[in-house]
C-alpha cells in the first residue's frame, strides 16, 4: 500500500486510521492498530475525566512506541476543554475532532506542534475546516456508522468532490473495510481511509462477546438511521430496540421520550452486557462485508494484501 500525504503527516506505515469508537477506543485496540502500522485513536468520550483519559494514554504509550492520536467529539452535553488540555499535556501528536466547530482549539494545538483533523459529512464543512487551519479532513459518506449528516450523499460522490475543492488531504470514511474499498478511496483522490465498523469487529475491542458474535452474521441491510427527529441522524445496528426508537420518532416522540434509547448510560449498558433491550450502537453498511472477528494486525494485513492484489489485477487488465 502506497505512501501518501497522510502516512507522512502522521509518520505511520499504512494510511489506515481507526475510527472513533465511544467507550471502545481505548488502549488495547488503539495500541494494536498502531503496532500494526495504522493510526489508533483514543476516544476521549470513553472517559469521565481528563485524568482518566491521560491514564489510558500512558497505558497506550506503554503498549506501543508507534504514533497514535485522540478523537474528541465536540457536542453540547458537556464541555470538552479538559480533554484537549489532557491531550496537549500528554503530547499526543494528532487530534481528530468531530461534531461542533473546533476552531477555538486549533491555535492551541498548532502552538504545541500537533496536527488537527476534523471529521465532516459535507464539502461545505470540509471547506470550513480547511479555512480554520485543519491539516486534513475526514469526509464521511452516507454509508457510515454514526453520523452521516443531513444530505444523504454517498462516499463515491462526496470524496471526489471534496478532493477537487480542497487543498488539504482528504481521508475517506463511510463504507471502507477492505483492500478493494481502500483502493477505490485512493482512486477517488483520498490520501487515507478511516474505518470504524471494521475495527468494531476486532479481537482487541472491549465489546461484549454476544455483540461481536452477532456482527459476523449481519448484512449491509442490517442498519437503520435514527435520531433524525432531533437533527442528529445516526446509523446504528438494526435491533428491536433501534426499531422501537425509530417508530417512536415517526410517531412524533419528544426528546424526553427517546432519551432512554440514546443516553450514554443505555449505550454503555449495551456494550458491557450485550443486552439489546438497553441502547443502540453505531454501525456502518460495510458490516455486510465482515464475517470474521480478527486481530487488528490481521485486519490491516488483510486490507494491505487485498489492496496490492487488486491493484496488480487492474494493472494487468488495463
C-alpha atoms as a PDB file:
ATOM      1  CA  UNK A   1       0.000   0.000   0.000  1.00  0.00           C
ATOM      2  CA  UNK A   2       1.471   3.300  -1.107  1.00  0.00           C
ATOM      3  CA  UNK A   3       2.882   6.141   0.949  1.00  0.00           C
ATOM      4  CA  UNK A   4       0.606   9.157   0.980  1.00  0.00           C
ATOM      5  CA  UNK A   5       0.396  12.640   2.429  1.00  0.00           C
ATOM      6  CA  UNK A   6      -1.330  11.034   5.433  1.00  0.00           C
ATOM      7  CA  UNK A   7       1.360   8.423   6.142  1.00  0.00           C
ATOM      8  CA  UNK A   8       3.939  11.214   6.003  1.00  0.00           C
ATOM      9  CA  UNK A   9       1.871  13.594   8.148  1.00  0.00           C
ATOM     10  CA  UNK A  10       1.293  11.038  10.912  1.00  0.00           C
ATOM     11  CA  UNK A  11       4.534   9.063  10.460  1.00  0.00           C
ATOM     12  CA  UNK A  12       2.678   5.765  10.033  1.00  0.00           C
ATOM     13  CA  UNK A  13       3.282   2.786   7.766  1.00  0.00           C
ATOM     14  CA  UNK A  14      -0.175   2.454   6.210  1.00  0.00           C
ATOM     15  CA  UNK A  15      -2.804   5.154   5.541  1.00  0.00           C
ATOM     16  CA  UNK A  16      -5.363   3.289   7.664  1.00  0.00           C
ATOM     17  CA  UNK A  17      -6.935   5.037  10.644  1.00  0.00           C
ATOM     18  CA  UNK A  18      -9.144   3.573  13.342  1.00  0.00           C
ATOM     19  CA  UNK A  19     -12.400   5.464  13.733  1.00  0.00           C
ATOM     20  CA  UNK A  20     -13.554   6.993  16.977  1.00  0.00           C
ATOM     21  CA  UNK A  21     -15.444   4.365  18.974  1.00  0.00           C
ATOM     22  CA  UNK A  22     -17.336   5.610  22.010  1.00  0.00           C
ATOM     23  CA  UNK A  23     -16.467   3.559  25.066  1.00  0.00           C
ATOM     24  CA  UNK A  24     -14.302   1.252  22.954  1.00  0.00           C
ATOM     25  CA  UNK A  25     -11.471   3.401  21.577  1.00  0.00           C
ATOM     26  CA  UNK A  26      -9.136   2.591  24.446  1.00  0.00           C
ATOM     27  CA  UNK A  27      -5.557   1.392  24.886  1.00  0.00           C
ATOM     28  CA  UNK A  28      -5.978  -2.303  23.911  1.00  0.00           C
ATOM     29  CA  UNK A  29      -7.426  -1.500  20.488  1.00  0.00           C
ATOM     30  CA  UNK A  30      -5.538   1.752  19.905  1.00  0.00           C
ATOM     31  CA  UNK A  31      -2.124   0.235  20.587  1.00  0.00           C
ATOM     32  CA  UNK A  32      -2.927  -2.824  18.446  1.00  0.00           C
ATOM     33  CA  UNK A  33      -3.869  -0.672  15.453  1.00  0.00           C
ATOM     34  CA  UNK A  34      -0.768   1.500  15.807  1.00  0.00           C
ATOM     35  CA  UNK A  35       1.519  -1.512  16.300  1.00  0.00           C
ATOM     36  CA  UNK A  36       0.096  -2.954  13.072  1.00  0.00           C
ATOM     37  CA  UNK A  37       1.137   0.154  11.120  1.00  0.00           C
ATOM     38  CA  UNK A  38      -2.074   2.177  11.177  1.00  0.00           C
ATOM     39  CA  UNK A  39      -3.108   5.070  13.393  1.00  0.00           C
ATOM     40  CA  UNK A  40      -5.048   4.162  16.525  1.00  0.00           C
ATOM     41  CA  UNK A  41      -7.248   6.798  18.149  1.00  0.00           C
ATOM     42  CA  UNK A  42      -8.087   7.113  21.824  1.00  0.00           C
ATOM     43  CA  UNK A  43     -11.756   8.146  22.037  1.00  0.00           C
ATOM     44  CA  UNK A  44     -11.990  10.908  24.646  1.00  0.00           C
ATOM     45  CA  UNK A  45     -15.706  10.302  25.161  1.00  0.00           C
ATOM     46  CA  UNK A  46     -14.857   6.919  26.650  1.00  0.00           C
ATOM     47  CA  UNK A  47     -13.645   8.633  29.821  1.00  0.00           C
ATOM     48  CA  UNK A  48     -15.331  10.596  32.575  1.00  0.00           C
ATOM     49  CA  UNK A  49     -12.407  12.966  33.106  1.00  0.00           C
ATOM     50  CA  UNK A  50      -9.157  14.267  31.694  1.00  0.00           C
ATOM     51  CA  UNK A  51      -7.215  12.316  34.316  1.00  0.00           C
ATOM     52  CA  UNK A  52      -8.896   9.050  33.368  1.00  0.00           C
ATOM     53  CA  UNK A  53      -8.097   9.639  29.695  1.00  0.00           C
ATOM     54  CA  UNK A  54      -4.486  10.514  30.452  1.00  0.00           C
ATOM     55  CA  UNK A  55      -4.041   7.249  32.352  1.00  0.00           C
ATOM     56  CA  UNK A  56      -5.180   5.362  29.266  1.00  0.00           C
ATOM     57  CA  UNK A  57      -2.890   7.449  27.062  1.00  0.00           C
ATOM     58  CA  UNK A  58       0.007   6.431  29.316  1.00  0.00           C
ATOM     59  CA  UNK A  59      -1.070   2.796  29.051  1.00  0.00           C
ATOM     60  CA  UNK A  60      -1.182   3.126  25.255  1.00  0.00           C
ATOM     61  CA  UNK A  61       2.348   4.533  25.293  1.00  0.00           C
ATOM     62  CA  UNK A  62       3.408   1.536  27.353  1.00  0.00           C
ATOM     63  CA  UNK A  63       1.895  -0.830  24.785  1.00  0.00           C
ATOM     64  CA  UNK A  64       3.199   0.867  21.639  1.00  0.00           C
ATOM     65  CA  UNK A  65       6.069   3.085  20.591  1.00  0.00           C
ATOM     66  CA  UNK A  66       4.195   3.983  17.395  1.00  0.00           C
ATOM     67  CA  UNK A  67       2.193   7.191  16.827  1.00  0.00           C
ATOM     68  CA  UNK A  68      -1.440   7.343  17.915  1.00  0.00           C
ATOM     69  CA  UNK A  69      -3.973  10.134  18.330  1.00  0.00           C
ATOM     70  CA  UNK A  70      -7.013  11.235  20.293  1.00  0.00           C
ATOM     71  CA  UNK A  71     -10.534  11.601  18.909  1.00  0.00           C
ATOM     72  CA  UNK A  72     -12.643  14.282  20.607  1.00  0.00           C
ATOM     73  CA  UNK A  73     -16.333  14.722  19.780  1.00  0.00           C
ATOM     74  CA  UNK A  74     -17.367  18.302  20.463  1.00  0.00           C
ATOM     75  CA  UNK A  75     -21.007  18.356  21.481  1.00  0.00           C
ATOM     76  CA  UNK A  76     -23.416  20.095  23.778  1.00  0.00           C
ATOM     77  CA  UNK A  77     -23.743  17.546  26.597  1.00  0.00           C
ATOM     78  CA  UNK A  78     -20.529  18.501  28.347  1.00  0.00           C
ATOM     79  CA  UNK A  79     -17.514  20.772  27.726  1.00  0.00           C
ATOM     80  CA  UNK A  80     -14.516  19.013  26.210  1.00  0.00           C
ATOM     81  CA  UNK A  81     -11.885  21.619  27.081  1.00  0.00           C
ATOM     82  CA  UNK A  82     -10.211  19.437  29.704  1.00  0.00           C
ATOM     83  CA  UNK A  83      -9.745  16.621  27.199  1.00  0.00           C
ATOM     84  CA  UNK A  84      -7.953  18.938  24.777  1.00  0.00           C
ATOM     85  CA  UNK A  85      -5.792  20.091  27.680  1.00  0.00           C
ATOM     86  CA  UNK A  86      -5.024  16.473  28.574  1.00  0.00           C
ATOM     87  CA  UNK A  87      -4.074  15.562  25.026  1.00  0.00           C
ATOM     88  CA  UNK A  88      -1.728  18.551  24.865  1.00  0.00           C
ATOM     89  CA  UNK A  89      -0.180  17.709  28.239  1.00  0.00           C
ATOM     90  CA  UNK A  90       0.330  14.105  27.091  1.00  0.00           C
ATOM     91  CA  UNK A  91       1.981  15.377  23.888  1.00  0.00           C
ATOM     92  CA  UNK A  92      -0.226  13.327  21.607  1.00  0.00           C
ATOM     93  CA  UNK A  93       0.829  14.157  18.027  1.00  0.00           C
ATOM     94  CA  UNK A  94      -2.593  14.376  16.380  1.00  0.00           C
ATOM     95  CA  UNK A  95      -6.152  15.247  17.376  1.00  0.00           C
ATOM     96  CA  UNK A  96      -9.233  14.247  15.404  1.00  0.00           C
ATOM     97  CA  UNK A  97     -12.339  16.275  16.176  1.00  0.00           C
ATOM     98  CA  UNK A  98     -15.960  15.769  15.206  1.00  0.00           C
ATOM     99  CA  UNK A  99     -19.311  17.387  15.900  1.00  0.00           C
ATOM    100  CA  UNK A 100     -19.252  21.115  16.537  1.00  0.00           C
ATOM    101  CA  UNK A 101     -16.732  23.628  15.185  1.00  0.00           C
ATOM    102  CA  UNK A 102     -13.215  23.033  16.623  1.00  0.00           C
ATOM    103  CA  UNK A 103     -11.927  26.493  15.702  1.00  0.00           C
ATOM    104  CA  UNK A 104     -11.276  27.677  19.266  1.00  0.00           C
ATOM    105  CA  UNK A 105      -8.913  24.736  19.840  1.00  0.00           C
ATOM    106  CA  UNK A 106      -6.860  24.917  16.638  1.00  0.00           C
ATOM    107  CA  UNK A 107      -4.442  27.643  17.726  1.00  0.00           C
ATOM    108  CA  UNK A 108      -3.545  25.789  20.925  1.00  0.00           C
ATOM    109  CA  UNK A 109      -2.999  22.519  19.090  1.00  0.00           C
ATOM    110  CA  UNK A 110      -0.767  24.142  16.482  1.00  0.00           C
ATOM    111  CA  UNK A 111       1.204  26.017  19.149  1.00  0.00           C
ATOM    112  CA  UNK A 112       2.087  22.640  20.634  1.00  0.00           C
ATOM    113  CA  UNK A 113       3.149  21.117  17.327  1.00  0.00           C
ATOM    114  CA  UNK A 114       0.052  18.927  16.995  1.00  0.00           C
ATOM    115  CA  UNK A 115      -1.835  18.060  13.827  1.00  0.00           C
ATOM    116  CA  UNK A 116      -5.556  18.831  13.703  1.00  0.00           C
ATOM    117  CA  UNK A 117      -8.032  16.785  11.672  1.00  0.00           C
ATOM    118  CA  UNK A 118     -11.798  17.384  11.598  1.00  0.00           C
ATOM    119  CA  UNK A 119     -14.482  14.874  10.616  1.00  0.00           C
ATOM    120  CA  UNK A 120     -17.127  16.305   8.266  1.00  0.00           C
ATOM    121  CA  UNK A 121     -20.233  14.992   6.459  1.00  0.00           C
ATOM    122  CA  UNK A 122     -20.199  17.529   3.616  1.00  0.00           C
ATOM    123  CA  UNK A 123     -17.920  19.554   1.354  1.00  0.00           C
ATOM    124  CA  UNK A 124     -19.224  22.775   2.896  1.00  0.00           C
ATOM    125  CA  UNK A 125     -17.996  21.774   6.332  1.00  0.00           C
ATOM    126  CA  UNK A 126     -14.754  20.424   4.840  1.00  0.00           C
ATOM    127  CA  UNK A 127     -14.021  23.843   3.382  1.00  0.00           C
ATOM    128  CA  UNK A 128     -14.711  25.447   6.749  1.00  0.00           C
ATOM    129  CA  UNK A 129     -12.283  23.016   8.423  1.00  0.00           C
ATOM    130  CA  UNK A 130      -9.610  23.940   5.898  1.00  0.00           C
ATOM    131  CA  UNK A 131     -10.277  27.663   6.419  1.00  0.00           C
ATOM    132  CA  UNK A 132      -9.787  27.471  10.204  1.00  0.00           C
ATOM    133  CA  UNK A 133      -6.447  25.715   9.835  1.00  0.00           C
ATOM    134  CA  UNK A 134      -7.074  21.973   9.971  1.00  0.00           C
ATOM    135  CA  UNK A 135      -4.245  19.905   8.490  1.00  0.00           C
ATOM    136  CA  UNK A 136      -6.599  17.315   6.954  1.00  0.00           C
ATOM    137  CA  UNK A 137     -10.257  16.322   6.952  1.00  0.00           C
ATOM    138  CA  UNK A 138     -12.127  13.052   7.247  1.00  0.00           C
ATOM    139  CA  UNK A 139     -15.013  13.099   4.775  1.00  0.00           C
ATOM    140  CA  UNK A 140     -17.821  10.783   5.866  1.00  0.00           C
ATOM    141  CA  UNK A 141     -20.267   9.344   3.356  1.00  0.00           C
ATOM    142  CA  UNK A 142     -23.865   8.221   3.872  1.00  0.00           C
ATOM    143  CA  UNK A 143     -22.846   4.562   4.332  1.00  0.00           C
ATOM    144  CA  UNK A 144     -21.021   5.282   7.585  1.00  0.00           C
ATOM    145  CA  UNK A 145     -21.833   4.121  11.074  1.00  0.00           C
ATOM    146  CA  UNK A 146     -22.573   7.015  13.386  1.00  0.00           C
ATOM    147  CA  UNK A 147     -23.425  10.429  11.963  1.00  0.00           C
ATOM    148  CA  UNK A 148     -23.754  10.694   8.158  1.00  0.00           C
ATOM    149  CA  UNK A 149     -25.030  14.273   8.098  1.00  0.00           C
ATOM    150  CA  UNK A 150     -28.272  15.525   6.603  1.00  0.00           C
ATOM    151  CA  UNK A 151     -27.659  15.304   2.857  1.00  0.00           C
ATOM    152  CA  UNK A 152     -27.609  11.518   2.257  1.00  0.00           C
ATOM    153  CA  UNK A 153     -24.666  11.730  -0.184  1.00  0.00           C
ATOM    154  CA  UNK A 154     -22.604   8.567  -0.673  1.00  0.00           C
ATOM    155  CA  UNK A 155     -18.845   8.338  -0.309  1.00  0.00           C
ATOM    156  CA  UNK A 156     -18.429   7.737  -4.055  1.00  0.00           C
ATOM    157  CA  UNK A 157     -19.607  11.271  -4.829  1.00  0.00           C
ATOM    158  CA  UNK A 158     -18.651  13.102  -1.662  1.00  0.00           C
ATOM    159  CA  UNK A 159     -14.970  12.125  -1.578  1.00  0.00           C
ATOM    160  CA  UNK A 160     -14.340  13.045  -5.218  1.00  0.00           C
ATOM    161  CA  UNK A 161     -15.971  16.428  -4.752  1.00  0.00           C
ATOM    162  CA  UNK A 162     -14.063  17.174  -1.550  1.00  0.00           C
ATOM    163  CA  UNK A 163     -10.722  16.248  -3.149  1.00  0.00           C
ATOM    164  CA  UNK A 164     -11.482  18.510  -6.101  1.00  0.00           C
ATOM    165  CA  UNK A 165     -12.334  21.507  -3.923  1.00  0.00           C
ATOM    166  CA  UNK A 166      -9.792  21.256  -1.089  1.00  0.00           C
ATOM    167  CA  UNK A 167      -6.039  21.719  -0.928  1.00  0.00           C
ATOM    168  CA  UNK A 168      -5.530  19.748   2.317  1.00  0.00           C
ATOM    169  CA  UNK A 169      -5.512  15.919   2.351  1.00  0.00           C
ATOM    170  CA  UNK A 170      -8.826  14.081   2.442  1.00  0.00           C
ATOM    171  CA  UNK A 171      -9.310  10.894   4.460  1.00  0.00           C
ATOM    172  CA  UNK A 172     -12.205   8.758   3.225  1.00  0.00           C
ATOM    173  CA  UNK A 173     -14.711   7.279   5.670  1.00  0.00           C
ATOM    174  CA  UNK A 174     -18.068   5.586   5.345  1.00  0.00           C
ATOM    175  CA  UNK A 175     -18.152   2.181   3.661  1.00  0.00           C
ATOM    176  CA  UNK A 176     -14.479   1.233   3.907  1.00  0.00           C
ATOM    177  CA  UNK A 177     -13.379  -2.073   5.434  1.00  0.00           C
ATOM    178  CA  UNK A 178     -11.483  -3.960   2.717  1.00  0.00           C
ATOM    179  CA  UNK A 179      -8.456  -3.607   0.478  1.00  0.00           C
ATOM    180  CA  UNK A 180     -10.699  -3.147  -2.537  1.00  0.00           C
ATOM    181  CA  UNK A 181     -12.572  -0.292  -0.900  1.00  0.00           C
ATOM    182  CA  UNK A 182      -9.290   1.314   0.189  1.00  0.00           C
ATOM    183  CA  UNK A 183      -8.063   1.141  -3.406  1.00  0.00           C
ATOM    184  CA  UNK A 184     -11.310   2.767  -4.526  1.00  0.00           C
ATOM    185  CA  UNK A 185     -10.816   5.561  -1.995  1.00  0.00           C
ATOM    186  CA  UNK A 186      -7.346   6.305  -3.344  1.00  0.00           C
ATOM    187  CA  UNK A 187      -8.710   6.220  -6.894  1.00  0.00           C
ATOM    188  CA  UNK A 188     -11.170   8.915  -5.814  1.00  0.00           C
ATOM    189  CA  UNK A 189      -8.252  11.036  -4.614  1.00  0.00           C
ATOM    190  CA  UNK A 190      -8.258  10.310  -0.884  1.00  0.00           C
ATOM    191  CA  UNK A 191      -4.927  10.081   0.938  1.00  0.00           C
ATOM    192  CA  UNK A 192      -6.124   7.682   3.632  1.00  0.00           C
ATOM    193  CA  UNK A 193      -9.104   5.721   4.927  1.00  0.00           C
ATOM    194  CA  UNK A 194     -10.731   5.715   8.330  1.00  0.00           C
ATOM    195  CA  UNK A 195     -12.561   2.583   9.482  1.00  0.00           C
ATOM    196  CA  UNK A 196     -14.833   2.288  12.486  1.00  0.00           C
ATOM    197  CA  UNK A 197     -17.058  -0.698  11.788  1.00  0.00           C
ATOM    198  CA  UNK A 198     -14.142  -2.888  10.658  1.00  0.00           C
ATOM    199  CA  UNK A 199     -12.309  -2.339  13.962  1.00  0.00           C
ATOM    200  CA  UNK A 200     -15.527  -2.767  15.912  1.00  0.00           C
ATOM    201  CA  UNK A 201     -15.275  -6.382  14.751  1.00  0.00           C
ATOM    202  CA  UNK A 202     -11.784  -6.889  16.151  1.00  0.00           C
ATOM    203  CA  UNK A 203     -10.412  -9.132  18.879  1.00  0.00           C
ATOM    204  CA  UNK A 204      -8.926  -6.271  20.863  1.00  0.00           C
ATOM    205  CA  UNK A 205     -12.019  -4.078  21.130  1.00  0.00           C
ATOM    206  CA  UNK A 206     -13.702  -4.263  24.545  1.00  0.00           C
ATOM    207  CA  UNK A 207     -17.161  -5.107  23.189  1.00  0.00           C
ATOM    208  CA  UNK A 208     -19.398  -7.766  24.726  1.00  0.00           C
ATOM    209  CA  UNK A 209     -18.837 -11.142  23.056  1.00  0.00           C
ATOM    210  CA  UNK A 210     -22.513 -11.590  22.159  1.00  0.00           C
ATOM    211  CA  UNK A 211     -22.433  -8.415  20.067  1.00  0.00           C
ATOM    212  CA  UNK A 212     -19.208  -9.496  18.372  1.00  0.00           C
ATOM    213  CA  UNK A 213     -20.786 -12.864  17.536  1.00  0.00           C
ATOM    214  CA  UNK A 214     -23.780 -11.097  16.022  1.00  0.00           C
ATOM    215  CA  UNK A 215     -21.630  -8.769  13.912  1.00  0.00           C
ATOM    216  CA  UNK A 216     -20.325 -11.752  11.926  1.00  0.00           C
ATOM    217  CA  UNK A 217     -23.847 -12.623  10.757  1.00  0.00           C
ATOM    218  CA  UNK A 218     -25.117  -9.170   9.837  1.00  0.00           C
ATOM    219  CA  UNK A 219     -25.700  -7.924   6.299  1.00  0.00           C
ATOM    220  CA  UNK A 220     -25.449  -4.483   4.716  1.00  0.00           C
ATOM    221  CA  UNK A 221     -29.204  -4.090   5.231  1.00  0.00           C
ATOM    222  CA  UNK A 222     -28.937  -4.586   8.999  1.00  0.00           C
ATOM    223  CA  UNK A 223     -28.575  -0.919   9.904  1.00  0.00           C
ATOM    224  CA  UNK A 224     -31.123   1.832  10.392  1.00  0.00           C
ATOM    225  CA  UNK A 225     -30.891   5.613  10.753  1.00  0.00           C
ATOM    226  CA  UNK A 226     -32.326   7.039  13.957  1.00  0.00           C
ATOM    227  CA  UNK A 227     -32.278  10.438  15.736  1.00  0.00           C
ATOM    228  CA  UNK A 228     -33.417  12.296  12.617  1.00  0.00           C
ATOM    229  CA  UNK A 229     -36.197  13.827  14.692  1.00  0.00           C
ATOM    230  CA  UNK A 230     -33.647  15.760  16.767  1.00  0.00           C
ATOM    231  CA  UNK A 231     -31.420  16.703  13.834  1.00  0.00           C
ATOM    232  CA  UNK A 232     -28.661  14.244  14.784  1.00  0.00           C
ATOM    233  CA  UNK A 233     -29.104  11.447  12.240  1.00  0.00           C
ATOM    234  CA  UNK A 234     -27.219   8.337  13.323  1.00  0.00           C
ATOM    235  CA  UNK A 235     -26.772   4.979  11.588  1.00  0.00           C
ATOM    236  CA  UNK A 236     -26.989   2.121  14.089  1.00  0.00           C
ATOM    237  CA  UNK A 237     -27.355  -1.645  14.196  1.00  0.00           C
ATOM    238  CA  UNK A 238     -30.917  -2.704  13.359  1.00  0.00           C
ATOM    239  CA  UNK A 239     -32.075  -4.252  16.624  1.00  0.00           C
ATOM    240  CA  UNK A 240     -35.552  -4.415  18.121  1.00  0.00           C
ATOM    241  CA  UNK A 241     -34.546  -1.533  20.373  1.00  0.00           C
ATOM    242  CA  UNK A 242     -33.488   0.572  17.375  1.00  0.00           C
ATOM    243  CA  UNK A 243     -36.740  -0.220  15.552  1.00  0.00           C
ATOM    244  CA  UNK A 244     -38.740   0.803  18.628  1.00  0.00           C
ATOM    245  CA  UNK A 245     -36.823   4.076  18.704  1.00  0.00           C
ATOM    246  CA  UNK A 246     -37.457   4.719  15.026  1.00  0.00           C
ATOM    247  CA  UNK A 247     -41.199   4.088  15.421  1.00  0.00           C
ATOM    248  CA  UNK A 248     -41.366   6.471  18.364  1.00  0.00           C
ATOM    249  CA  UNK A 249     -39.664   9.167  16.305  1.00  0.00           C
ATOM    250  CA  UNK A 250     -42.018   8.610  13.394  1.00  0.00           C
ATOM    251  CA  UNK A 251     -44.939   8.992  15.809  1.00  0.00           C
ATOM    252  CA  UNK A 252     -43.665  12.392  16.944  1.00  0.00           C
ATOM    253  CA  UNK A 253     -41.951  11.466  20.216  1.00  0.00           C
ATOM    254  CA  UNK A 254     -40.167  14.188  22.145  1.00  0.00           C
ATOM    255  CA  UNK A 255     -36.503  14.175  23.125  1.00  0.00           C
ATOM    256  CA  UNK A 256     -37.616  13.193  26.629  1.00  0.00           C
ATOM    257  CA  UNK A 257     -39.440  10.185  25.151  1.00  0.00           C
ATOM    258  CA  UNK A 258     -36.472   8.905  23.154  1.00  0.00           C
ATOM    259  CA  UNK A 259     -33.699   9.781  25.609  1.00  0.00           C
ATOM    260  CA  UNK A 260     -33.740   6.368  27.351  1.00  0.00           C
ATOM    261  CA  UNK A 261     -32.863   4.817  23.980  1.00  0.00           C
ATOM    262  CA  UNK A 262     -29.959   7.133  23.156  1.00  0.00           C
ATOM    263  CA  UNK A 263     -28.442   8.051  26.524  1.00  0.00           C
ATOM    264  CA  UNK A 264     -24.818   7.369  27.254  1.00  0.00           C
ATOM    265  CA  UNK A 265     -25.857   5.130  30.120  1.00  0.00           C
ATOM    266  CA  UNK A 266     -28.031   2.891  27.915  1.00  0.00           C
ATOM    267  CA  UNK A 267     -25.245   2.629  25.340  1.00  0.00           C
ATOM    268  CA  UNK A 268     -22.678   1.700  27.973  1.00  0.00           C
ATOM    269  CA  UNK A 269     -25.002  -0.966  29.342  1.00  0.00           C
ATOM    270  CA  UNK A 270     -25.405  -2.419  25.867  1.00  0.00           C
ATOM    271  CA  UNK A 271     -21.693  -2.682  25.048  1.00  0.00           C
ATOM    272  CA  UNK A 272     -20.892  -4.004  28.531  1.00  0.00           C
ATOM    273  CA  UNK A 273     -23.663  -6.595  28.868  1.00  0.00           C
ATOM    274  CA  UNK A 274     -24.808  -7.280  25.301  1.00  0.00           C
ATOM    275  CA  UNK A 275     -28.424  -6.625  26.350  1.00  0.00           C
ATOM    276  CA  UNK A 276     -30.195  -5.487  23.182  1.00  0.00           C
ATOM    277  CA  UNK A 277     -33.027  -4.025  25.248  1.00  0.00           C
ATOM    278  CA  UNK A 278     -30.767  -1.258  26.529  1.00  0.00           C
ATOM    279  CA  UNK A 279     -29.168   1.081  23.997  1.00  0.00           C
ATOM    280  CA  UNK A 280     -28.199   1.331  20.330  1.00  0.00           C
ATOM    281  CA  UNK A 281     -24.763   1.097  18.736  1.00  0.00           C
ATOM    282  CA  UNK A 282     -23.317   2.798  15.651  1.00  0.00           C
ATOM    283  CA  UNK A 283     -22.769   0.503  12.690  1.00  0.00           C
ATOM    284  CA  UNK A 284     -21.929   1.138   9.027  1.00  0.00           C
ATOM    285  CA  UNK A 285     -23.330  -0.603   5.970  1.00  0.00           C
ATOM    286  CA  UNK A 286     -19.939  -2.168   5.318  1.00  0.00           C
ATOM    287  CA  UNK A 287     -20.779  -4.673   8.057  1.00  0.00           C
ATOM    288  CA  UNK A 288     -22.154  -6.785   5.194  1.00  0.00           C
ATOM    289  CA  UNK A 289     -18.557  -7.412   4.075  1.00  0.00           C
ATOM    290  CA  UNK A 290     -17.331  -8.516   7.510  1.00  0.00           C
ATOM    291  CA  UNK A 291     -17.816 -12.140   8.547  1.00  0.00           C
ATOM    292  CA  UNK A 292     -14.953 -12.775  10.926  1.00  0.00           C
ATOM    293  CA  UNK A 293     -13.566 -11.305  14.143  1.00  0.00           C
ATOM    294  CA  UNK A 294      -9.824 -10.823  13.671  1.00  0.00           C
ATOM    295  CA  UNK A 295      -6.929  -9.128  15.416  1.00  0.00           C
ATOM    296  CA  UNK A 296      -6.181  -5.545  14.403  1.00  0.00           C
ATOM    297  CA  UNK A 297      -2.908  -6.772  12.925  1.00  0.00           C
ATOM    298  CA  UNK A 298      -4.659  -9.344  10.734  1.00  0.00           C
ATOM    299  CA  UNK A 299      -7.303  -6.827   9.708  1.00  0.00           C
ATOM    300  CA  UNK A 300      -4.677  -4.374   8.479  1.00  0.00           C
ATOM    301  CA  UNK A 301      -2.547  -7.049   6.820  1.00  0.00           C
ATOM    302  CA  UNK A 302      -5.612  -8.442   5.014  1.00  0.00           C
ATOM    303  CA  UNK A 303      -6.503  -4.967   3.762  1.00  0.00           C
ATOM    304  CA  UNK A 304      -2.955  -4.342   2.528  1.00  0.00           C
ATOM    305  CA  UNK A 305      -2.718  -7.732   0.771  1.00  0.00           C
ATOM    306  CA  UNK A 306      -6.095  -7.364  -0.921  1.00  0.00           C
ATOM    307  CA  UNK A 307      -5.246  -3.797  -1.951  1.00  0.00           C
ATOM    308  CA  UNK A 308      -1.999  -4.887  -3.589  1.00  0.00           C
ATOM    309  CA  UNK A 309      -3.550  -7.928  -5.273  1.00  0.00           C
ATOM    310  CA  UNK A 310      -6.417  -5.901  -6.686  1.00  0.00           C
ATOM    311  CA  UNK A 311      -4.064  -3.164  -7.877  1.00  0.00           C
ATOM    312  CA  UNK A 312      -1.972  -5.783  -9.687  1.00  0.00           C
ATOM    313  CA  UNK A 313      -5.064  -7.289 -11.320  1.00  0.00           C
ATOM    314  CA  UNK A 314      -6.232  -3.890 -12.501  1.00  0.00           C
ATOM    315  CA  UNK A 315      -2.791  -3.093 -13.878  1.00  0.00           C
ATOM    316  CA  UNK A 316      -2.814  -6.315 -15.914  1.00  0.00           C
ATOM    317  CA  UNK A 317      -6.302  -5.712 -17.267  1.00  0.00           C
ATOM    318  CA  UNK A 318      -5.896  -2.099 -18.301  1.00  0.00           C
END
